Amino acid sequence: MALVRLVFVLALSLTAQASPLVPEPPVAALATCLRGDVETLAGQIGERNCYHPEKLERAAAWIEAQFAATGLRTRRLPVEVPAGEPYRCGKMTVWNIEAESPGSALPDEIIVIGAHYDSKVAMKGWHDHAGPLAKLPGTPGADDNASGVAVTLALARHFAQAPTRRSLRFVAFVNEEPPFFQTGAMGSFVYARSLVQDKSRRVVGMFTPECLGCYSLQSNRKRVWLAGPLGLPAKPDYVAFMSNLSSRSFNLTAAAAFRRRCQVKLRPCVLPALGPKVAWSDDWAFWRQGVPAFAVTDTAFLRSDRYHELTDTPDYLDYGVMAEVTLGLQGMVAELGDRQAGEGGTRR
Protein backbone atom coordinates (compact mmCIF):
# COMPACT_ATOMS: atom_id res chain seq x y z
CA MET A 1 0.00 0.00 0.00
CA ALA A 2 1.16 3.57 -0.57
CA LEU A 3 1.81 5.94 2.32
CA VAL A 4 -0.66 8.53 1.11
CA ARG A 5 -3.55 6.09 0.70
CA LEU A 6 -6.12 8.22 2.42
CA VAL A 7 -8.97 5.82 2.11
CA PHE A 8 -11.03 4.83 4.98
CA VAL A 9 -14.05 2.80 5.39
CA LEU A 10 -16.79 1.53 7.53
CA ALA A 11 -17.37 3.26 10.71
CA LEU A 12 -19.66 3.79 13.52
CA SER A 13 -20.61 6.63 15.82
CA LEU A 14 -19.32 6.28 19.35
CA THR A 15 -22.12 8.39 20.81
CA ALA A 16 -24.90 6.94 22.92
CA GLN A 17 -27.57 7.72 20.34
CA ALA A 18 -25.80 5.82 17.53
CA SER A 19 -28.23 2.98 16.88
CA PRO A 20 -25.75 0.87 14.82
CA LEU A 21 -23.93 0.19 18.13
CA VAL A 22 -26.90 -1.90 19.28
CA PRO A 23 -27.06 -4.65 16.65
CA GLU A 24 -30.33 -6.30 15.79
CA PRO A 25 -30.19 -10.12 15.61
CA PRO A 26 -29.43 -10.21 11.84
CA VAL A 27 -26.50 -7.85 12.46
CA ALA A 28 -25.26 -10.04 15.29
CA ALA A 29 -25.42 -13.13 13.08
CA LEU A 30 -23.52 -11.37 10.31
CA ALA A 31 -20.94 -10.12 12.83
CA THR A 32 -20.35 -13.71 13.93
CA CYS A 33 -19.87 -14.81 10.32
CA LEU A 34 -17.44 -11.95 9.61
CA ARG A 35 -15.44 -12.79 12.73
CA GLY A 36 -15.21 -16.43 11.69
CA ASP A 37 -13.88 -15.54 8.25
CA VAL A 38 -11.32 -13.10 9.64
CA GLU A 39 -10.15 -15.64 12.22
CA THR A 40 -9.71 -18.26 9.51
CA LEU A 41 -7.53 -16.04 7.34
CA ALA A 42 -5.59 -14.05 9.96
CA GLY A 43 -5.70 -16.55 12.80
CA GLN A 44 -5.66 -20.13 11.52
CA ILE A 45 -3.75 -19.37 8.30
CA GLY A 46 -1.87 -16.24 9.36
CA GLU A 47 0.74 -14.53 7.22
CA ARG A 48 -0.02 -15.33 3.56
CA ASN A 49 2.11 -14.12 0.68
CA CYS A 50 4.56 -15.36 -1.92
CA TYR A 51 7.21 -15.80 0.78
CA HIS A 52 4.90 -18.29 2.50
CA PRO A 53 3.44 -19.94 -0.64
CA GLU A 54 1.83 -22.86 1.20
CA LYS A 55 -0.20 -20.42 3.33
CA LEU A 56 -1.03 -18.26 0.33
CA GLU A 57 -2.35 -21.35 -1.47
CA ARG A 58 -4.27 -22.42 1.63
CA ALA A 59 -5.97 -19.01 1.72
CA ALA A 60 -6.75 -19.16 -2.02
CA ALA A 61 -8.25 -22.65 -1.72
CA TRP A 62 -10.36 -21.64 1.28
CA ILE A 63 -11.71 -18.53 -0.49
CA GLU A 64 -12.40 -20.58 -3.62
CA ALA A 65 -14.39 -23.06 -1.53
CA GLN A 66 -16.38 -20.24 0.10
CA PHE A 67 -17.28 -18.78 -3.29
CA ALA A 68 -18.15 -22.21 -4.71
CA ALA A 69 -20.43 -22.95 -1.75
CA THR A 70 -22.65 -20.00 -2.76
CA GLY A 71 -23.41 -21.71 -6.08
CA LEU A 72 -21.79 -18.90 -8.09
CA ARG A 73 -19.53 -19.75 -11.02
CA THR A 74 -16.03 -19.67 -9.57
CA ARG A 75 -12.69 -19.42 -11.38
CA ARG A 76 -8.99 -19.36 -10.58
CA LEU A 77 -7.13 -16.83 -12.70
CA PRO A 78 -3.32 -17.03 -12.85
CA VAL A 79 -0.92 -14.25 -11.88
CA GLU A 80 2.70 -14.84 -12.87
CA VAL A 81 5.51 -13.69 -10.59
CA PRO A 82 8.91 -13.51 -12.32
CA ALA A 83 12.17 -14.41 -10.67
CA GLY A 84 14.51 -11.69 -9.44
CA GLU A 85 14.05 -8.11 -8.27
CA PRO A 86 12.09 -6.59 -6.71
CA TYR A 87 10.21 -9.69 -5.56
CA ARG A 88 12.96 -12.11 -4.45
CA CYS A 89 10.52 -14.99 -4.01
CA GLY A 90 11.39 -17.02 -7.10
CA LYS A 91 9.31 -17.59 -10.21
CA MET A 92 5.82 -18.83 -9.39
CA THR A 93 2.17 -18.78 -10.38
CA VAL A 94 -0.32 -17.46 -7.85
CA TRP A 95 -4.05 -16.89 -8.16
CA ASN A 96 -6.88 -14.38 -8.26
CA ILE A 97 -10.17 -16.05 -7.26
CA GLU A 98 -13.36 -14.87 -8.99
CA ALA A 99 -17.07 -15.59 -8.57
CA GLU A 100 -19.75 -14.12 -10.83
CA SER A 101 -23.44 -13.43 -10.29
CA PRO A 102 -24.82 -13.00 -13.85
CA GLY A 103 -27.08 -10.03 -14.40
CA SER A 104 -30.76 -10.84 -14.85
CA ALA A 105 -31.35 -8.13 -17.49
CA LEU A 106 -27.98 -6.47 -18.25
CA PRO A 107 -25.45 -9.32 -18.10
CA ASP A 108 -22.90 -7.44 -20.22
CA GLU A 109 -22.65 -4.59 -17.69
CA ILE A 110 -20.34 -5.48 -14.79
CA ILE A 111 -19.70 -4.16 -11.29
CA VAL A 112 -16.55 -5.52 -9.63
CA ILE A 113 -16.24 -5.97 -5.87
CA GLY A 114 -12.69 -7.03 -5.07
CA ALA A 115 -10.43 -7.28 -2.01
CA HIS A 116 -6.87 -8.54 -1.66
CA TYR A 117 -6.22 -11.62 0.46
CA ASP A 118 -2.44 -11.48 0.83
CA SER A 119 -0.72 -9.99 3.87
CA LYS A 120 2.50 -7.95 4.03
CA VAL A 121 5.87 -9.65 4.35
CA ALA A 122 8.30 -8.28 6.92
CA MET A 123 10.28 -5.24 5.79
CA LYS A 124 12.46 -2.67 7.52
CA GLY A 125 9.49 -0.41 8.23
CA TRP A 126 5.71 -0.66 8.30
CA HIS A 127 5.36 1.28 5.02
CA ASP A 128 8.65 0.10 3.53
CA HIS A 129 9.11 -0.91 -0.11
CA ALA A 130 12.84 -1.56 0.35
CA GLY A 131 12.64 -5.31 -0.03
CA PRO A 132 11.31 -8.36 1.82
CA LEU A 133 12.84 -9.78 4.99
CA ALA A 134 11.20 -13.16 4.55
CA LYS A 135 13.00 -14.84 7.47
CA LEU A 136 11.25 -12.49 9.89
CA PRO A 137 7.53 -12.79 10.69
CA GLY A 138 5.19 -10.51 8.75
CA THR A 139 1.73 -9.30 9.66
CA PRO A 140 -1.18 -11.75 10.05
CA GLY A 141 -3.28 -9.10 8.30
CA ALA A 142 -6.61 -9.12 10.16
CA ASP A 143 -7.79 -5.60 9.34
CA ASP A 144 -5.48 -5.46 6.30
CA ASN A 145 -7.11 -7.25 4.67
CA ALA A 146 -8.89 -10.29 6.04
CA SER A 147 -11.64 -7.83 6.99
CA GLY A 148 -12.10 -6.76 3.35
CA VAL A 149 -12.17 -10.37 2.16
CA ALA A 150 -14.76 -11.24 4.81
CA VAL A 151 -17.00 -8.39 3.61
CA THR A 152 -16.55 -9.47 -0.02
CA LEU A 153 -17.55 -13.05 0.88
CA ALA A 154 -20.61 -11.79 2.77
CA LEU A 155 -21.72 -9.78 -0.27
CA ALA A 156 -21.17 -12.77 -2.57
CA ARG A 157 -23.28 -15.00 -0.31
CA HIS A 158 -26.11 -12.48 -0.34
CA PHE A 159 -26.15 -11.75 -4.08
CA ALA A 160 -25.90 -15.43 -4.99
CA GLN A 161 -29.50 -15.52 -3.74
CA ALA A 162 -30.52 -12.03 -4.90
CA PRO A 163 -29.11 -11.30 -8.38
CA THR A 164 -29.24 -7.80 -9.79
CA ARG A 165 -29.96 -6.58 -13.30
CA ARG A 166 -26.25 -6.06 -13.89
CA SER A 167 -23.59 -8.73 -13.44
CA LEU A 168 -21.55 -8.69 -10.24
CA ARG A 169 -17.97 -9.97 -10.09
CA PHE A 170 -16.58 -10.82 -6.66
CA VAL A 171 -12.80 -11.16 -6.71
CA ALA A 172 -10.13 -12.01 -4.14
CA PHE A 173 -6.93 -10.45 -5.44
CA VAL A 174 -3.43 -11.72 -4.78
CA ASN A 175 -0.26 -9.61 -4.42
CA GLU A 176 -1.55 -6.22 -3.38
CA GLU A 177 1.05 -5.69 -0.66
CA PRO A 178 4.64 -4.49 -1.24
CA PRO A 179 6.83 -5.35 -3.07
CA PHE A 180 4.04 -6.21 -5.55
CA PHE A 181 1.99 -3.00 -5.21
CA GLN A 182 1.80 -1.05 -8.49
CA THR A 183 3.83 -3.64 -10.41
CA GLY A 184 3.00 -6.06 -13.21
CA ALA A 185 2.68 -8.90 -10.68
CA MET A 186 -0.08 -7.15 -8.71
CA GLY A 187 -3.15 -9.39 -8.95
CA SER A 188 -5.70 -6.63 -9.47
CA PHE A 189 -3.55 -5.02 -12.19
CA VAL A 190 -3.47 -8.32 -14.11
CA TYR A 191 -7.22 -8.78 -13.59
CA ALA A 192 -8.27 -5.25 -14.58
CA ARG A 193 -6.14 -5.29 -17.72
CA SER A 194 -7.67 -8.61 -18.81
CA LEU A 195 -11.21 -7.53 -17.97
CA VAL A 196 -11.25 -4.42 -20.13
CA GLN A 197 -9.87 -6.30 -23.12
CA ASP A 198 -13.31 -7.89 -23.53
CA LYS A 199 -14.93 -5.11 -25.53
CA SER A 200 -18.30 -6.84 -25.62
CA ARG A 201 -18.82 -6.05 -21.93
CA ARG A 202 -18.94 -2.73 -20.08
CA VAL A 203 -17.31 -2.27 -16.69
CA VAL A 204 -19.59 0.10 -14.80
CA GLY A 205 -17.22 0.49 -11.87
CA MET A 206 -15.29 -1.19 -9.10
CA PHE A 207 -14.88 -0.82 -5.36
CA THR A 208 -12.49 -2.51 -3.00
CA PRO A 209 -13.25 -3.30 0.64
CA GLU A 210 -9.91 -2.42 2.24
CA CYS A 211 -9.34 -2.39 6.01
CA LEU A 212 -12.91 -2.42 7.32
CA GLY A 213 -12.77 -3.63 10.91
CA CYS A 214 -11.45 -0.86 13.17
CA TYR A 215 -13.87 1.65 14.78
CA SER A 216 -12.46 1.97 18.32
CA LEU A 217 -10.01 4.55 19.62
CA GLN A 218 -6.48 3.36 18.91
CA SER A 219 -2.97 4.70 19.19
CA ASN A 220 -2.40 6.55 15.90
CA ARG A 221 1.18 7.74 15.81
CA LYS A 222 1.30 6.70 12.14
CA ARG A 223 -1.38 9.21 11.24
CA VAL A 224 -0.52 11.72 8.48
CA TRP A 225 -1.10 15.32 9.56
CA LEU A 226 -3.01 16.44 6.44
CA ALA A 227 -5.67 13.73 6.78
CA GLY A 228 -7.89 15.98 8.90
CA PRO A 229 -7.89 18.93 6.48
CA LEU A 230 -8.71 16.49 3.67
CA GLY A 231 -11.87 15.47 5.52
CA LEU A 232 -10.65 12.35 7.34
CA PRO A 233 -10.65 13.22 11.05
CA ALA A 234 -9.01 11.14 13.77
CA LYS A 235 -12.22 10.17 15.56
CA PRO A 236 -13.03 6.60 14.38
CA ASP A 237 -16.76 7.11 13.87
CA TYR A 238 -17.00 6.85 10.08
CA VAL A 239 -16.22 4.88 6.95
CA ALA A 240 -14.56 6.57 3.97
CA PHE A 241 -15.04 6.12 0.22
CA MET A 242 -11.75 7.19 -1.38
CA SER A 243 -11.27 7.80 -5.11
CA ASN A 244 -9.39 9.82 -7.70
CA LEU A 245 -11.02 12.70 -9.58
CA SER A 246 -12.03 10.65 -12.62
CA SER A 247 -13.99 8.28 -10.34
CA ARG A 248 -15.80 11.12 -8.55
CA SER A 249 -19.22 10.53 -10.09
CA PHE A 250 -19.21 6.79 -9.37
CA ASN A 251 -17.96 7.40 -5.83
CA LEU A 252 -20.64 9.97 -5.01
CA THR A 253 -23.44 7.95 -6.61
CA ALA A 254 -22.43 4.96 -4.52
CA ALA A 255 -22.11 7.14 -1.41
CA ALA A 256 -25.66 8.43 -1.81
CA ALA A 257 -26.95 4.86 -2.08
CA PHE A 258 -24.96 3.79 0.99
CA ARG A 259 -26.30 6.69 3.07
CA ARG A 260 -29.89 5.72 2.26
CA ARG A 261 -29.31 2.33 3.87
CA CYS A 262 -26.82 2.77 6.70
CA GLN A 263 -26.59 4.99 9.77
CA VAL A 264 -22.83 4.64 10.04
CA LYS A 265 -21.22 7.95 9.09
CA LEU A 266 -19.78 8.11 5.59
CA ARG A 267 -17.07 10.47 4.37
CA PRO A 268 -16.50 10.38 0.60
CA CYS A 269 -13.05 11.71 -0.28
CA VAL A 270 -11.95 12.56 -3.83
CA LEU A 271 -8.31 13.44 -4.44
CA PRO A 272 -6.31 14.23 -7.56
CA ALA A 273 -3.79 11.57 -8.54
CA LEU A 274 -0.77 13.85 -8.10
CA GLY A 275 1.71 11.00 -8.35
CA PRO A 276 2.08 7.23 -8.22
CA LYS A 277 1.94 7.20 -4.42
CA VAL A 278 -1.47 8.88 -4.27
CA ALA A 279 -3.37 5.63 -4.36
CA TRP A 280 -5.03 3.40 -1.84
CA SER A 281 -5.23 -0.21 -2.89
CA ASP A 282 -6.58 -2.36 -5.72
CA ASP A 283 -8.68 0.56 -6.97
CA TRP A 284 -5.43 1.94 -8.46
CA ALA A 285 -5.29 -0.99 -10.91
CA PHE A 286 -8.71 -0.09 -12.29
CA TRP A 287 -7.85 3.61 -12.54
CA ARG A 288 -4.97 2.58 -14.78
CA GLN A 289 -7.49 0.98 -17.17
CA GLY A 290 -9.88 3.94 -17.14
CA VAL A 291 -12.45 2.22 -14.90
CA PRO A 292 -14.11 4.27 -12.13
CA ALA A 293 -13.10 2.80 -8.77
CA PHE A 294 -12.94 3.66 -5.09
CA ALA A 295 -11.82 2.08 -1.83
CA VAL A 296 -14.10 1.56 1.15
CA THR A 297 -11.98 1.76 4.30
CA ASP A 298 -11.70 2.47 8.01
CA THR A 299 -8.62 4.62 7.17
CA ALA A 300 -6.07 1.94 8.11
CA PHE A 301 -2.86 3.58 9.43
CA LEU A 302 -4.68 6.88 9.93
CA ARG A 303 -6.76 5.09 12.56
CA SER A 304 -4.56 2.40 14.09
CA ASP A 305 -0.85 1.78 14.62
CA ARG A 306 -1.52 -1.97 14.23
CA TYR A 307 -1.47 -1.49 10.45
CA HIS A 308 1.23 -3.71 8.88
CA GLU A 309 2.33 -4.92 12.32
CA LEU A 310 2.38 -8.28 14.10
CA THR A 311 -0.44 -6.89 16.26
CA ASP A 312 -2.93 -6.73 13.35
CA THR A 313 -4.86 -9.68 14.82
CA PRO A 314 -8.54 -10.68 14.73
CA ASP A 315 -9.27 -10.01 18.40
CA TYR A 316 -9.32 -6.18 18.26
CA LEU A 317 -11.71 -5.65 15.34
CA ASP A 318 -15.23 -4.23 15.84
CA TYR A 319 -17.37 -6.87 14.15
CA GLY A 320 -20.74 -5.33 15.07
CA VAL A 321 -19.94 -2.08 13.25
CA MET A 322 -18.29 -4.03 10.44
CA ALA A 323 -21.59 -5.89 10.01
CA GLU A 324 -23.54 -2.62 9.88
CA VAL A 325 -21.23 -1.35 7.15
CA THR A 326 -21.55 -4.63 5.25
CA LEU A 327 -25.33 -4.31 5.24
CA GLY A 328 -24.99 -0.74 3.99
CA LEU A 329 -22.75 -1.96 1.16
CA GLN A 330 -25.27 -4.69 0.41
CA GLY A 331 -27.99 -2.11 -0.16
CA MET A 332 -25.61 0.09 -2.14
CA VAL A 333 -24.64 -2.78 -4.48
CA ALA A 334 -28.29 -3.70 -4.98
CA GLU A 335 -29.06 -0.13 -6.09
CA LEU A 336 -26.01 0.17 -8.34
CA GLY A 337 -26.70 -3.24 -9.84
CA ASP A 338 -30.29 -2.36 -10.72
CA ARG A 339 -29.71 1.08 -12.28
CA GLN A 340 -30.71 1.70 -15.88
CA ALA A 341 -28.51 0.52 -18.75
CA GLY A 342 -25.72 2.89 -19.72
CA GLU A 343 -25.52 4.72 -16.38
CA GLY A 344 -21.88 5.18 -15.37
CA GLY A 345 -18.86 3.10 -16.25
CA THR A 346 -16.71 2.75 -19.31
CA ARG A 347 -16.61 0.61 -22.42
CA ARG A 348 -13.18 -0.46 -23.57
Foldseek 3Di string as FASTA:
>chain_A
DFLQAQFAFFFADPDPPTVLVPDDVVLVVLLVLLLVQLCVQLPVLFAAALLCPVSVVVNVVVLQVLLVVLVFDKDWDWFWDDDDPDAPSHTDIHTKIKGKDAAPAARQEEEEEEEERHADADDPDLNDQRHHPSVDHWASQSLFPSSQSSLLSVLSSVCSVVPFNYMYMYMHWGQFYPPRNPHSRGRLLVVLVVVQVPLSGFYQAYEYAGRQFDHDAADQPSADPCSVVQPRDQHQQAKEKEFEPLLVVVSVLLVVQLVVQASGHYHYGYHHCPDPSHHHTSRVSNVVVVWRYIYIHSRASNHYPCRGHRPSGSPNTDSSSSSRSSRSSSRSCNVVRHDDPPPGGDRD
